[in-house]
């Protein structure tokens, strides 16, 4: 599976990693989980925000060992035909209530207009 991180995701990750040291390792665990359940079949921890055929924009809870809780949220795009995983947003639920809908809608329009 090809994994890429968006520029804004990298900035958020760098900022949050300073405070939560286990975040890089936690992200590796999340990648393995996404490989097993890319469309969020384990529905308790994943929500499909948008879906069009094999393409899916999902928000998933992420366990952080530094906090010992699932207070992090990761928004990603999964293209089932090319096995492409693009991380779009990472945020701590205590700092930010919900994802950036404008950023996600813009990305979704770019990806689905290629059809």
N, C-alpha and C. Protein backbone atom coordinates (compact mmCIF):
# COMPACT_ATOMS: atom_id res chain seq x y z
N UNK A 1 0.84 -1.17 0.00
CA UNK A 1 0.00 0.00 0.00
C UNK A 1 0.89 1.24 0.00
N UNK A 2 0.58 2.16 -0.89
CA UNK A 2 1.32 3.42 -0.97
C UNK A 2 0.74 4.40 0.05
N UNK A 3 1.58 4.93 0.92
CA UNK A 3 1.13 5.85 1.96
C UNK A 3 1.81 7.20 1.74
N UNK A 4 0.99 8.26 1.68
CA UNK A 4 1.53 9.62 1.57
C UNK A 4 0.88 10.49 2.64
N UNK A 5 1.62 11.52 3.01
CA UNK A 5 1.11 12.46 4.00
C UNK A 5 1.02 13.83 3.35
N UNK A 6 -0.15 14.45 3.46
CA UNK A 6 -0.33 15.79 2.93
C UNK A 6 0.54 16.78 3.69
N UNK A 7 0.80 17.94 3.08
CA UNK A 7 1.66 18.95 3.69
C UNK A 7 1.10 19.42 5.03
N UNK A 8 -0.19 19.67 5.09
CA UNK A 8 -0.80 20.13 6.34
C UNK A 8 -0.76 19.04 7.40
N UNK A 9 -0.91 17.78 6.97
CA UNK A 9 -0.82 16.66 7.91
C UNK A 9 0.58 16.60 8.51
N UNK A 10 1.61 16.77 7.68
CA UNK A 10 2.99 16.72 8.18
C UNK A 10 3.25 17.83 9.21
N UNK A 11 2.71 19.02 8.96
CA UNK A 11 2.87 20.12 9.91
C UNK A 11 2.18 19.80 11.23
N UNK A 12 0.97 19.27 11.15
CA UNK A 12 0.23 18.92 12.36
C UNK A 12 0.95 17.81 13.13
N UNK A 13 1.45 16.82 12.40
CA UNK A 13 2.17 15.71 13.03
C UNK A 13 3.43 16.20 13.74
N UNK A 14 4.18 17.06 13.08
CA UNK A 14 5.42 17.58 13.67
C UNK A 14 5.12 18.36 14.95
N UNK A 15 4.09 19.18 14.91
CA UNK A 15 3.71 19.98 16.07
C UNK A 15 3.26 19.10 17.23
N UNK A 16 2.42 18.12 16.94
CA UNK A 16 1.88 17.25 17.98
C UNK A 16 2.91 16.26 18.52
N UNK A 17 3.89 15.87 17.68
CA UNK A 17 4.90 14.91 18.12
C UNK A 17 5.80 15.50 19.21
N UNK A 18 5.96 16.80 19.20
CA UNK A 18 6.76 17.43 20.25
C UNK A 18 6.12 17.21 21.62
N UNK A 19 4.80 17.22 21.67
CA UNK A 19 4.09 17.08 22.93
C UNK A 19 3.80 15.62 23.26
N UNK A 20 3.49 14.83 22.25
CA UNK A 20 3.12 13.42 22.44
C UNK A 20 4.16 12.55 21.73
N UNK A 21 5.15 12.09 22.46
CA UNK A 21 6.32 11.41 21.88
C UNK A 21 6.00 10.09 21.18
N UNK A 22 4.95 9.42 21.55
CA UNK A 22 4.66 8.11 20.97
C UNK A 22 3.89 8.20 19.66
N UNK A 23 3.63 9.40 19.17
CA UNK A 23 2.74 9.58 18.02
C UNK A 23 3.24 8.89 16.75
N UNK A 24 4.52 8.93 16.48
CA UNK A 24 5.05 8.27 15.27
C UNK A 24 4.81 6.76 15.31
N UNK A 25 5.10 6.16 16.44
CA UNK A 25 4.87 4.71 16.58
C UNK A 25 3.38 4.39 16.54
N UNK A 26 2.56 5.25 17.12
CA UNK A 26 1.12 5.04 17.10
C UNK A 26 0.57 5.12 15.67
N UNK A 27 1.15 5.99 14.87
CA UNK A 27 0.74 6.12 13.48
C UNK A 27 1.08 4.86 12.69
N UNK A 28 2.21 4.23 12.99
CA UNK A 28 2.57 2.96 12.34
C UNK A 28 1.55 1.87 12.67
N UNK A 29 1.10 1.83 13.91
CA UNK A 29 0.07 0.86 14.31
C UNK A 29 -1.22 1.13 13.55
N UNK A 30 -1.56 2.41 13.42
CA UNK A 30 -2.77 2.78 12.69
C UNK A 30 -2.69 2.35 11.22
N UNK A 31 -1.53 2.50 10.59
CA UNK A 31 -1.37 2.09 9.20
C UNK A 31 -1.63 0.60 9.03
N UNK A 32 -1.15 -0.21 9.94
CA UNK A 32 -1.40 -1.65 9.86
C UNK A 32 -2.89 -1.95 10.04
N UNK A 33 -3.56 -1.20 10.89
CA UNK A 33 -4.99 -1.37 11.08
C UNK A 33 -5.76 -0.97 9.83
N UNK A 34 -5.36 0.11 9.20
CA UNK A 34 -6.02 0.56 7.98
C UNK A 34 -5.81 -0.45 6.85
N UNK A 35 -4.65 -1.06 6.79
CA UNK A 35 -4.41 -2.09 5.79
C UNK A 35 -5.39 -3.25 5.95
N UNK A 36 -5.72 -3.59 7.19
CA UNK A 36 -6.66 -4.68 7.45
C UNK A 36 -8.11 -4.26 7.20
N UNK A 37 -8.46 -3.03 7.58
CA UNK A 37 -9.84 -2.54 7.46
C UNK A 37 -9.84 -1.14 6.82
N UNK A 38 -9.54 -1.04 5.52
CA UNK A 38 -9.38 0.29 4.91
C UNK A 38 -10.66 1.11 4.83
N UNK A 39 -11.80 0.46 4.71
CA UNK A 39 -13.06 1.20 4.59
C UNK A 39 -13.78 1.34 5.92
N UNK A 40 -13.10 0.98 6.99
CA UNK A 40 -13.70 1.13 8.31
C UNK A 40 -14.71 0.07 8.64
N UNK A 41 -14.44 -1.17 8.27
CA UNK A 41 -15.35 -2.26 8.58
C UNK A 41 -15.48 -2.46 10.09
N UNK A 42 -14.47 -2.03 10.84
CA UNK A 42 -14.57 -2.05 12.30
C UNK A 42 -15.23 -0.73 12.71
N UNK A 43 -16.48 -0.58 12.38
CA UNK A 43 -17.23 0.68 12.40
C UNK A 43 -17.22 1.42 13.73
N UNK A 44 -16.89 0.78 14.78
CA UNK A 44 -16.89 1.44 16.07
C UNK A 44 -15.85 2.56 16.14
N UNK A 45 -14.76 2.41 15.44
CA UNK A 45 -13.67 3.38 15.51
C UNK A 45 -13.46 4.16 14.21
N UNK A 46 -14.31 3.97 13.25
CA UNK A 46 -14.11 4.61 11.95
C UNK A 46 -15.45 5.07 11.38
N UNK A 47 -15.41 6.24 10.73
CA UNK A 47 -16.60 6.79 10.09
C UNK A 47 -16.25 7.15 8.65
N UNK A 48 -17.03 6.68 7.71
CA UNK A 48 -16.84 7.07 6.31
C UNK A 48 -17.51 8.43 6.11
N UNK A 49 -16.72 9.47 5.85
CA UNK A 49 -17.26 10.80 5.65
C UNK A 49 -17.86 10.94 4.26
N UNK A 50 -17.17 10.37 3.26
CA UNK A 50 -17.67 10.36 1.88
C UNK A 50 -17.24 9.06 1.25
N UNK A 51 -18.07 8.55 0.34
CA UNK A 51 -17.73 7.31 -0.32
C UNK A 51 -18.29 7.32 -1.73
N UNK A 52 -17.47 6.91 -2.69
CA UNK A 52 -17.88 6.83 -4.08
C UNK A 52 -17.21 5.60 -4.69
N UNK A 53 -17.93 4.51 -4.76
CA UNK A 53 -17.37 3.27 -5.27
C UNK A 53 -16.27 2.76 -4.35
N UNK A 54 -15.06 2.64 -4.90
CA UNK A 54 -13.91 2.19 -4.12
C UNK A 54 -13.22 3.32 -3.37
N UNK A 55 -13.52 4.55 -3.70
CA UNK A 55 -12.88 5.70 -3.06
C UNK A 55 -13.62 6.04 -1.77
N UNK A 56 -12.85 6.35 -0.74
CA UNK A 56 -13.46 6.61 0.56
C UNK A 56 -12.66 7.65 1.32
N UNK A 57 -13.35 8.58 1.94
CA UNK A 57 -12.76 9.57 2.84
C UNK A 57 -13.23 9.19 4.23
N UNK A 58 -12.29 8.82 5.10
CA UNK A 58 -12.64 8.27 6.41
C UNK A 58 -12.01 9.05 7.54
N UNK A 59 -12.70 9.04 8.67
CA UNK A 59 -12.17 9.60 9.91
C UNK A 59 -12.08 8.45 10.90
N UNK A 60 -10.92 8.30 11.52
CA UNK A 60 -10.69 7.16 12.41
C UNK A 60 -10.08 7.63 13.73
N UNK A 61 -10.51 7.00 14.80
CA UNK A 61 -9.89 7.25 16.11
C UNK A 61 -8.51 6.61 16.11
N UNK A 62 -7.57 7.26 16.80
CA UNK A 62 -6.24 6.70 16.89
C UNK A 62 -5.81 6.66 18.35
N UNK A 63 -5.34 5.52 18.77
CA UNK A 63 -4.84 5.35 20.13
C UNK A 63 -3.49 6.03 20.25
N UNK A 64 -3.31 6.80 21.31
CA UNK A 64 -2.02 7.43 21.59
C UNK A 64 -1.53 6.89 22.93
N UNK A 65 -0.39 6.23 22.92
CA UNK A 65 0.12 5.64 24.15
C UNK A 65 0.56 6.70 25.15
N UNK A 66 0.94 7.88 24.67
CA UNK A 66 1.32 8.96 25.59
C UNK A 66 0.14 9.41 26.43
N UNK A 67 -1.06 9.38 25.86
CA UNK A 67 -2.27 9.78 26.57
C UNK A 67 -3.02 8.61 27.19
N UNK A 68 -2.75 7.41 26.68
CA UNK A 68 -3.46 6.20 27.08
C UNK A 68 -4.96 6.33 26.78
N UNK A 69 -5.27 6.95 25.62
CA UNK A 69 -6.66 7.09 25.21
C UNK A 69 -6.74 7.25 23.70
N UNK A 70 -7.96 7.29 23.19
CA UNK A 70 -8.19 7.43 21.75
C UNK A 70 -8.66 8.85 21.42
N UNK A 71 -7.99 9.83 21.95
CA UNK A 71 -8.39 11.22 21.76
C UNK A 71 -7.91 11.82 20.44
N UNK A 72 -7.14 11.10 19.66
CA UNK A 72 -6.68 11.61 18.38
C UNK A 72 -7.60 11.14 17.27
N UNK A 73 -7.75 11.97 16.26
CA UNK A 73 -8.52 11.63 15.07
C UNK A 73 -7.63 11.81 13.85
N UNK A 74 -7.72 10.87 12.93
CA UNK A 74 -6.98 10.92 11.68
C UNK A 74 -7.98 10.84 10.54
N UNK A 75 -7.87 11.79 9.62
CA UNK A 75 -8.73 11.77 8.44
C UNK A 75 -7.85 11.35 7.27
N UNK A 76 -8.31 10.35 6.51
CA UNK A 76 -7.51 9.86 5.40
C UNK A 76 -8.39 9.54 4.21
N UNK A 77 -7.73 9.47 3.05
CA UNK A 77 -8.39 9.12 1.80
C UNK A 77 -7.84 7.77 1.37
N UNK A 78 -8.73 6.87 1.00
CA UNK A 78 -8.31 5.55 0.54
C UNK A 78 -8.89 5.29 -0.84
N UNK A 79 -8.01 5.02 -1.79
CA UNK A 79 -8.43 4.70 -3.15
C UNK A 79 -8.25 3.20 -3.31
N UNK A 80 -9.32 2.46 -3.26
CA UNK A 80 -9.28 1.01 -3.25
C UNK A 80 -8.68 0.38 -4.49
N UNK A 81 -8.74 1.05 -5.64
CA UNK A 81 -8.22 0.45 -6.86
C UNK A 81 -6.71 0.55 -6.94
N UNK A 82 -6.13 1.64 -6.43
CA UNK A 82 -4.68 1.82 -6.50
C UNK A 82 -3.99 1.55 -5.18
N UNK A 83 -4.77 1.19 -4.15
CA UNK A 83 -4.23 0.97 -2.81
C UNK A 83 -3.41 2.17 -2.35
N UNK A 84 -3.99 3.35 -2.51
CA UNK A 84 -3.33 4.59 -2.12
C UNK A 84 -3.98 5.09 -0.83
N UNK A 85 -3.15 5.41 0.14
CA UNK A 85 -3.61 5.94 1.41
C UNK A 85 -3.00 7.32 1.58
N UNK A 86 -3.84 8.35 1.68
CA UNK A 86 -3.36 9.73 1.82
C UNK A 86 -3.88 10.28 3.14
N UNK A 87 -2.96 10.60 4.05
CA UNK A 87 -3.35 11.21 5.32
C UNK A 87 -3.63 12.69 5.08
N UNK A 88 -4.79 13.15 5.51
CA UNK A 88 -5.19 14.54 5.28
C UNK A 88 -5.15 15.40 6.53
N UNK A 89 -5.53 14.85 7.66
CA UNK A 89 -5.62 15.67 8.85
C UNK A 89 -5.42 14.82 10.10
N UNK A 90 -4.76 15.42 11.08
CA UNK A 90 -4.54 14.80 12.38
C UNK A 90 -4.84 15.86 13.42
N UNK A 91 -5.67 15.53 14.39
CA UNK A 91 -5.95 16.51 15.43
C UNK A 91 -6.27 15.84 16.74
N UNK A 92 -6.01 16.59 17.80
CA UNK A 92 -6.30 16.14 19.15
C UNK A 92 -7.70 16.62 19.51
N UNK A 93 -8.54 15.72 19.92
CA UNK A 93 -9.95 16.01 20.18
C UNK A 93 -10.11 17.09 21.27
N UNK A 94 -9.17 17.21 22.17
CA UNK A 94 -9.25 18.23 23.21
C UNK A 94 -8.97 19.63 22.70
N UNK A 95 -8.23 19.75 21.59
CA UNK A 95 -7.89 21.05 21.02
C UNK A 95 -8.86 21.49 19.93
N UNK A 96 -9.39 20.53 19.21
CA UNK A 96 -10.22 20.83 18.03
C UNK A 96 -11.40 19.87 18.03
N UNK A 97 -12.59 20.40 17.93
CA UNK A 97 -13.79 19.58 18.06
C UNK A 97 -14.04 18.68 16.86
N UNK A 98 -13.80 19.22 15.63
CA UNK A 98 -14.11 18.45 14.43
C UNK A 98 -13.08 18.73 13.34
N UNK A 99 -13.16 17.95 12.26
CA UNK A 99 -12.21 18.08 11.16
C UNK A 99 -12.47 19.36 10.35
N UNK A 100 -11.50 19.73 9.52
CA UNK A 100 -11.60 20.91 8.67
C UNK A 100 -12.37 20.52 7.40
N UNK A 101 -13.66 20.81 7.39
CA UNK A 101 -14.53 20.39 6.28
C UNK A 101 -14.16 21.04 4.96
N UNK A 102 -13.71 22.29 4.97
CA UNK A 102 -13.33 22.96 3.73
C UNK A 102 -12.15 22.26 3.07
N UNK A 103 -11.15 21.92 3.86
CA UNK A 103 -9.97 21.23 3.34
C UNK A 103 -10.35 19.87 2.76
N UNK A 104 -11.20 19.15 3.47
CA UNK A 104 -11.59 17.81 3.02
C UNK A 104 -12.46 17.88 1.77
N UNK A 105 -13.37 18.83 1.70
CA UNK A 105 -14.24 18.97 0.53
C UNK A 105 -13.43 19.32 -0.71
N UNK A 106 -12.44 20.20 -0.55
CA UNK A 106 -11.58 20.58 -1.68
C UNK A 106 -10.81 19.36 -2.19
N UNK A 107 -10.24 18.59 -1.27
CA UNK A 107 -9.50 17.40 -1.65
C UNK A 107 -10.42 16.40 -2.35
N UNK A 108 -11.62 16.18 -1.80
CA UNK A 108 -12.57 15.23 -2.37
C UNK A 108 -12.94 15.63 -3.79
N UNK A 109 -13.19 16.91 -4.02
CA UNK A 109 -13.55 17.38 -5.36
C UNK A 109 -12.41 17.14 -6.35
N UNK A 110 -11.17 17.36 -5.92
CA UNK A 110 -10.02 17.10 -6.80
C UNK A 110 -9.91 15.64 -7.16
N UNK A 111 -10.10 14.77 -6.19
CA UNK A 111 -9.96 13.33 -6.43
C UNK A 111 -11.10 12.75 -7.26
N UNK A 112 -12.32 13.20 -7.02
CA UNK A 112 -13.46 12.62 -7.73
C UNK A 112 -13.69 13.28 -9.11
N UNK A 113 -13.12 14.44 -9.34
CA UNK A 113 -13.28 15.07 -10.66
C UNK A 113 -12.39 14.40 -11.70
N UNK A 114 -11.43 13.58 -11.26
CA UNK A 114 -10.55 12.87 -12.19
C UNK A 114 -11.26 11.74 -12.91
N UNK A 115 -12.46 11.37 -12.47
CA UNK A 115 -13.17 10.23 -13.05
C UNK A 115 -13.57 10.44 -14.46
